[in-house]
Structure formats: C-alpha cells, structure tokens
Amino acid sequence: MKSPFYYQGHHTKIAFDVKKHLNSLEDSFPTSINTPRALGDTYEDILRDDFRNLLGNWCKNYSNDFARRAMADIAFTDVNGFYSMIDVKTHNENTNFNMPNLTSVERLTSRSLKSLF
C-alpha cells in the first residue's frame, strides 16, 4: 500500500500551509535575528511547535523530541500508519548561491532504521 498522504498529493497542501503560516509570522520576529542560521533555527523552533496543528486530521502520532544531531526534527505517523521523518530546512529565494543539504543513502537509511527501534 502506498501512502495516500504523499501519493494523493495531500503533502502539497501541507507544504503550502507551512509556507503561509511562516510568512504570516515574519513581522513578529525579533530584530536580533540577523543571520540566515539564526532565522533558520527560529523557523525550525516554530515548526516543531506548530506542525502538528498544520497536519490536522492526518496526524495520528507526533514527535518533535530529537537529539540535536539527529537528522529528523519532526516525525509523525499518519492516519494510515505511515511513519514520516522531517528535517526542517530553509531556502532564501533572494540569493543566487545556495548550498543544498546532502545526505548519503547509507546515513539516511541507518539513522531512519535506528529511530524506529
């Protein structure tokens, strides 16, 4: 069975809702947030607290309690029993040079499997 959350496109609506939610908070950020890293950390903290509500009825179980070096920031089990791990990343669309977050398949699979047990 394939996850309806992803294969029927529901994740796209959630992604839109996340962007809309974060953009609505932009004016309330403290002026002391003046580096891309600090802003990214702020977005991550906000999403740890707010993502469950943005998932709505899709969320059966939710976790945002991961070690600092863990690949996942958020994880949830959807109503169909599919487990998803999310690593929050930001991207400044106003820049010409960006460095993507690359993760090896070996690291991804070994860390993902360890977190399940």
N, C-alpha and C. Protein backbone atom coordinates (compact mmCIF):
# COMPACT_ATOMS: atom_id res chain seq x y z
N MET A 1 0.85 -1.18 0.00
CA MET A 1 0.00 0.00 0.00
C MET A 1 0.89 1.25 0.00
N LYS A 2 0.54 2.21 -0.79
CA LYS A 2 1.25 3.49 -0.84
C LYS A 2 0.54 4.50 0.05
N SER A 3 1.33 5.41 0.58
CA SER A 3 0.79 6.42 1.48
C SER A 3 -0.10 7.41 0.72
N PRO A 4 -1.39 7.46 1.04
CA PRO A 4 -2.27 8.45 0.41
C PRO A 4 -1.82 9.89 0.68
N PHE A 5 -1.19 10.11 1.83
CA PHE A 5 -0.72 11.45 2.17
C PHE A 5 0.20 11.98 1.09
N TYR A 6 1.12 11.14 0.60
CA TYR A 6 2.06 11.56 -0.43
C TYR A 6 1.56 11.28 -1.84
N TYR A 7 1.03 10.10 -2.07
CA TYR A 7 0.67 9.70 -3.43
C TYR A 7 -0.62 10.33 -3.93
N GLN A 8 -1.41 10.90 -3.05
CA GLN A 8 -2.60 11.62 -3.49
C GLN A 8 -2.41 13.13 -3.37
N GLY A 9 -1.18 13.55 -3.04
CA GLY A 9 -0.84 14.97 -3.07
C GLY A 9 -1.21 15.80 -1.86
N HIS A 10 -1.63 15.18 -0.78
CA HIS A 10 -2.02 15.95 0.41
C HIS A 10 -0.83 16.69 1.03
N HIS A 11 0.36 16.14 0.86
CA HIS A 11 1.57 16.79 1.39
C HIS A 11 1.80 18.16 0.76
N THR A 12 1.34 18.34 -0.47
CA THR A 12 1.49 19.62 -1.16
C THR A 12 0.68 20.71 -0.46
N LYS A 13 -0.52 20.37 -0.03
CA LYS A 13 -1.35 21.34 0.69
C LYS A 13 -0.69 21.69 2.03
N ILE A 14 -0.14 20.69 2.71
CA ILE A 14 0.53 20.95 3.99
C ILE A 14 1.73 21.86 3.76
N ALA A 15 2.50 21.61 2.71
CA ALA A 15 3.67 22.46 2.39
C ALA A 15 3.22 23.90 2.14
N PHE A 16 2.13 24.09 1.42
CA PHE A 16 1.59 25.43 1.18
C PHE A 16 1.16 26.07 2.50
N ASP A 17 0.51 25.30 3.36
CA ASP A 17 0.06 25.82 4.66
C ASP A 17 1.24 26.20 5.56
N VAL A 18 2.33 25.42 5.50
CA VAL A 18 3.53 25.74 6.28
C VAL A 18 4.11 27.07 5.82
N LYS A 19 4.25 27.23 4.51
CA LYS A 19 4.81 28.48 3.96
C LYS A 19 3.93 29.67 4.33
N LYS A 20 2.63 29.50 4.19
CA LYS A 20 1.69 30.57 4.53
C LYS A 20 1.79 30.93 6.02
N HIS A 21 1.86 29.92 6.86
CA HIS A 21 1.96 30.13 8.31
C HIS A 21 3.25 30.88 8.67
N LEU A 22 4.38 30.43 8.13
CA LEU A 22 5.66 31.09 8.43
C LEU A 22 5.69 32.52 7.91
N ASN A 23 5.15 32.74 6.72
CA ASN A 23 5.11 34.10 6.17
C ASN A 23 4.23 35.02 7.00
N SER A 24 3.19 34.46 7.62
CA SER A 24 2.30 35.30 8.45
C SER A 24 2.99 35.75 9.73
N LEU A 25 4.05 35.06 10.13
CA LEU A 25 4.77 35.39 11.36
C LEU A 25 5.98 36.29 11.13
N GLU A 26 6.31 36.55 9.88
CA GLU A 26 7.54 37.26 9.52
C GLU A 26 7.72 38.59 10.26
N ASP A 27 6.67 39.36 10.39
CA ASP A 27 6.76 40.68 11.03
C ASP A 27 6.92 40.59 12.55
N SER A 28 6.68 39.42 13.12
CA SER A 28 6.77 39.29 14.58
C SER A 28 8.13 38.78 15.06
N PHE A 29 9.07 38.51 14.14
CA PHE A 29 10.40 38.05 14.54
C PHE A 29 11.18 39.20 15.16
N PRO A 30 11.95 38.90 16.20
CA PRO A 30 12.78 39.94 16.82
C PRO A 30 13.84 40.45 15.83
N THR A 31 14.20 41.70 15.94
CA THR A 31 15.22 42.27 15.05
C THR A 31 16.61 41.72 15.34
N SER A 32 16.77 41.03 16.46
CA SER A 32 18.07 40.43 16.79
C SER A 32 18.39 39.22 15.91
N ILE A 33 17.40 38.74 15.18
CA ILE A 33 17.64 37.62 14.26
C ILE A 33 18.20 38.23 12.97
N ASN A 34 19.53 38.19 12.86
CA ASN A 34 20.16 38.88 11.74
C ASN A 34 21.08 38.00 10.90
N THR A 35 21.03 36.69 11.11
CA THR A 35 21.82 35.79 10.27
C THR A 35 20.92 34.71 9.70
N PRO A 36 21.27 34.16 8.56
CA PRO A 36 20.46 33.07 7.99
C PRO A 36 20.33 31.89 8.94
N ARG A 37 21.41 31.56 9.66
CA ARG A 37 21.38 30.43 10.59
C ARG A 37 20.38 30.69 11.73
N ALA A 38 20.41 31.90 12.29
CA ALA A 38 19.50 32.23 13.39
C ALA A 38 18.05 32.22 12.91
N LEU A 39 17.82 32.72 11.71
CA LEU A 39 16.47 32.71 11.17
C LEU A 39 16.00 31.28 10.92
N GLY A 40 16.88 30.45 10.36
CA GLY A 40 16.54 29.05 10.13
C GLY A 40 16.21 28.32 11.42
N ASP A 41 17.00 28.58 12.46
CA ASP A 41 16.73 27.96 13.77
C ASP A 41 15.39 28.43 14.33
N THR A 42 15.05 29.68 14.11
CA THR A 42 13.76 30.20 14.57
C THR A 42 12.62 29.51 13.84
N TYR A 43 12.74 29.38 12.53
CA TYR A 43 11.70 28.66 11.77
C TYR A 43 11.56 27.22 12.25
N GLU A 44 12.69 26.58 12.50
CA GLU A 44 12.66 25.19 12.98
C GLU A 44 11.92 25.10 14.32
N ASP A 45 12.23 26.01 15.24
CA ASP A 45 11.56 26.00 16.55
C ASP A 45 10.05 26.21 16.40
N ILE A 46 9.68 27.13 15.52
CA ILE A 46 8.25 27.40 15.30
C ILE A 46 7.56 26.16 14.75
N LEU A 47 8.19 25.52 13.76
CA LEU A 47 7.56 24.35 13.16
C LEU A 47 7.50 23.16 14.11
N ARG A 48 8.48 23.01 14.98
CA ARG A 48 8.41 21.94 15.98
C ARG A 48 7.13 22.07 16.80
N ASP A 49 6.77 23.31 17.11
CA ASP A 49 5.58 23.56 17.93
C ASP A 49 4.28 23.54 17.13
N ASP A 50 4.33 23.99 15.88
CA ASP A 50 3.10 24.24 15.12
C ASP A 50 2.76 23.19 14.05
N PHE A 51 3.71 22.33 13.69
CA PHE A 51 3.48 21.43 12.56
C PHE A 51 2.35 20.44 12.82
N ARG A 52 2.22 19.98 14.04
CA ARG A 52 1.14 19.03 14.34
C ARG A 52 -0.22 19.64 14.00
N ASN A 53 -0.43 20.90 14.35
CA ASN A 53 -1.70 21.55 14.03
C ASN A 53 -1.88 21.72 12.53
N LEU A 54 -0.77 21.97 11.82
CA LEU A 54 -0.86 22.12 10.37
C LEU A 54 -1.20 20.80 9.69
N LEU A 55 -0.81 19.68 10.28
CA LEU A 55 -1.16 18.37 9.73
C LEU A 55 -2.65 18.08 9.89
N GLY A 56 -3.24 18.64 10.91
CA GLY A 56 -4.67 18.43 11.13
C GLY A 56 -5.02 16.97 11.35
N ASN A 57 -6.06 16.50 10.66
CA ASN A 57 -6.56 15.14 10.83
C ASN A 57 -5.62 14.07 10.29
N TRP A 58 -4.59 14.46 9.56
CA TRP A 58 -3.64 13.48 9.03
C TRP A 58 -2.77 12.89 10.13
N CYS A 59 -2.64 13.57 11.24
CA CYS A 59 -1.69 13.18 12.28
C CYS A 59 -2.32 12.24 13.29
N LYS A 60 -1.71 11.06 13.44
CA LYS A 60 -2.14 10.10 14.45
C LYS A 60 -1.21 10.19 15.67
N ASN A 61 0.10 10.15 15.44
CA ASN A 61 1.10 10.31 16.49
C ASN A 61 2.13 11.32 16.01
N TYR A 62 2.68 12.08 16.95
CA TYR A 62 3.59 13.17 16.59
C TYR A 62 4.75 13.22 17.57
N SER A 63 5.94 13.52 17.06
CA SER A 63 7.10 13.67 17.92
C SER A 63 7.97 14.81 17.41
N ASN A 64 8.45 15.61 18.32
CA ASN A 64 9.42 16.66 17.98
C ASN A 64 10.57 16.67 18.97
N ASP A 65 10.78 15.53 19.62
CA ASP A 65 11.82 15.40 20.64
C ASP A 65 12.96 14.55 20.09
N PHE A 66 13.91 15.19 19.41
CA PHE A 66 15.04 14.50 18.81
C PHE A 66 16.33 15.14 19.32
N ALA A 67 17.40 14.36 19.34
CA ALA A 67 18.71 14.88 19.74
C ALA A 67 19.16 15.95 18.76
N ARG A 68 20.01 16.83 19.20
CA ARG A 68 20.48 17.95 18.37
C ARG A 68 21.07 17.50 17.05
N ARG A 69 21.82 16.39 17.03
CA ARG A 69 22.46 15.92 15.80
C ARG A 69 21.61 14.94 15.01
N ALA A 70 20.40 14.68 15.45
CA ALA A 70 19.52 13.76 14.71
C ALA A 70 19.15 14.38 13.37
N MET A 71 18.93 13.53 12.39
CA MET A 71 18.53 14.04 11.08
C MET A 71 17.11 14.57 11.10
N ALA A 72 16.26 13.99 11.90
CA ALA A 72 14.87 14.41 11.94
C ALA A 72 14.68 15.51 12.98
N ASP A 73 13.81 16.44 12.65
CA ASP A 73 13.38 17.47 13.60
C ASP A 73 11.96 17.18 14.07
N ILE A 74 11.20 16.56 13.19
CA ILE A 74 9.79 16.27 13.44
C ILE A 74 9.51 14.89 12.84
N ALA A 75 8.62 14.15 13.47
CA ALA A 75 8.18 12.88 12.90
C ALA A 75 6.70 12.71 13.23
N PHE A 76 6.01 12.03 12.34
CA PHE A 76 4.61 11.74 12.61
C PHE A 76 4.19 10.44 11.95
N THR A 77 3.21 9.82 12.53
CA THR A 77 2.55 8.67 11.92
C THR A 77 1.20 9.17 11.45
N ASP A 78 0.92 8.93 10.18
CA ASP A 78 -0.36 9.43 9.66
C ASP A 78 -1.48 8.45 9.99
N VAL A 79 -2.69 8.82 9.64
CA VAL A 79 -3.86 8.02 9.98
C VAL A 79 -3.86 6.65 9.32
N ASN A 80 -3.03 6.46 8.28
CA ASN A 80 -2.93 5.17 7.62
C ASN A 80 -1.77 4.33 8.15
N GLY A 81 -1.08 4.84 9.18
CA GLY A 81 0.01 4.10 9.80
C GLY A 81 1.37 4.31 9.18
N PHE A 82 1.52 5.24 8.24
CA PHE A 82 2.81 5.51 7.62
C PHE A 82 3.58 6.51 8.48
N TYR A 83 4.85 6.18 8.73
CA TYR A 83 5.72 6.99 9.57
C TYR A 83 6.58 7.90 8.68
N SER A 84 6.59 9.19 8.97
CA SER A 84 7.38 10.16 8.21
C SER A 84 8.29 10.93 9.15
N MET A 85 9.54 11.10 8.72
CA MET A 85 10.50 11.91 9.46
C MET A 85 10.79 13.15 8.63
N ILE A 86 10.85 14.31 9.28
CA ILE A 86 11.04 15.57 8.58
C ILE A 86 12.24 16.30 9.14
N ASP A 87 13.11 16.74 8.24
CA ASP A 87 14.26 17.57 8.59
C ASP A 87 13.94 18.97 8.07
N VAL A 88 13.73 19.92 8.95
CA VAL A 88 13.35 21.27 8.56
C VAL A 88 14.54 21.98 7.93
N LYS A 89 14.34 22.51 6.73
CA LYS A 89 15.36 23.26 6.02
C LYS A 89 14.74 24.55 5.51
N THR A 90 15.57 25.58 5.41
CA THR A 90 15.11 26.84 4.86
C THR A 90 15.88 27.13 3.57
N HIS A 91 15.33 27.99 2.75
CA HIS A 91 15.97 28.36 1.50
C HIS A 91 15.64 29.82 1.21
N ASN A 92 16.66 30.64 1.10
CA ASN A 92 16.48 32.05 0.78
C ASN A 92 16.35 32.18 -0.74
N GLU A 93 15.16 32.47 -1.20
CA GLU A 93 14.90 32.57 -2.64
C GLU A 93 15.49 33.83 -3.26
N ASN A 94 15.99 34.75 -2.44
CA ASN A 94 16.56 36.00 -2.95
C ASN A 94 18.06 35.94 -3.16
N THR A 95 18.66 34.77 -3.06
CA THR A 95 20.10 34.63 -3.25
C THR A 95 20.38 33.82 -4.51
N ASN A 96 21.57 34.03 -5.08
CA ASN A 96 21.95 33.29 -6.28
C ASN A 96 22.72 32.02 -5.96
N PHE A 97 23.37 31.96 -4.81
CA PHE A 97 24.17 30.81 -4.44
C PHE A 97 23.58 30.17 -3.19
N ASN A 98 23.33 28.89 -3.27
CA ASN A 98 22.80 28.15 -2.13
C ASN A 98 23.50 26.80 -2.06
N MET A 99 23.66 26.30 -0.86
CA MET A 99 24.28 25.00 -0.68
C MET A 99 23.21 24.03 -0.19
N PRO A 100 22.88 23.03 -1.00
CA PRO A 100 21.84 22.08 -0.59
C PRO A 100 22.33 21.18 0.54
N ASN A 101 21.39 20.63 1.25
CA ASN A 101 21.70 19.68 2.30
C ASN A 101 21.77 18.30 1.67
N LEU A 102 22.95 17.73 1.60
CA LEU A 102 23.13 16.42 1.00
C LEU A 102 23.33 15.38 2.10
N THR A 103 22.63 14.27 1.98
CA THR A 103 22.74 13.19 2.93
C THR A 103 22.92 11.89 2.16
N SER A 104 23.87 11.09 2.58
CA SER A 104 24.08 9.83 1.89
C SER A 104 22.93 8.88 2.17
N VAL A 105 22.69 7.99 1.22
CA VAL A 105 21.64 6.98 1.39
C VAL A 105 21.97 6.11 2.58
N GLU A 106 23.25 5.77 2.74
CA GLU A 106 23.66 4.92 3.87
C GLU A 106 23.31 5.59 5.20
N ARG A 107 23.63 6.86 5.34
CA ARG A 107 23.34 7.57 6.59
C ARG A 107 21.83 7.68 6.78
N LEU A 108 21.12 8.00 5.74
CA LEU A 108 19.68 8.15 5.83
C LEU A 108 19.01 6.85 6.27
N THR A 109 19.36 5.76 5.64
CA THR A 109 18.70 4.50 5.99
C THR A 109 19.12 3.99 7.35
N SER A 110 20.39 4.11 7.71
CA SER A 110 20.82 3.61 9.02
C SER A 110 20.22 4.44 10.14
N ARG A 111 20.17 5.75 9.99
CA ARG A 111 19.58 6.60 11.03
C ARG A 111 18.08 6.39 11.10
N SER A 112 17.42 6.24 9.95
CA SER A 112 15.97 6.06 9.94
C SER A 112 15.59 4.77 10.61
N LEU A 113 16.31 3.70 10.32
CA LEU A 113 16.00 2.42 10.92
C LEU A 113 16.25 2.41 12.41
N LYS A 114 17.32 3.06 12.86
CA LYS A 114 17.63 3.12 14.29
C LYS A 114 16.53 3.84 15.07
N SER A 115 15.94 4.88 14.45
CA SER A 115 14.94 5.65 15.17
C SER A 115 13.63 4.87 15.33
N LEU A 116 13.44 3.83 14.52
CA LEU A 116 12.21 3.05 14.61
C LEU A 116 12.25 2.03 15.75
N PHE A 117 13.45 1.71 16.22
CA PHE A 117 13.58 0.65 17.22
C PHE A 117 14.05 1.18 18.56
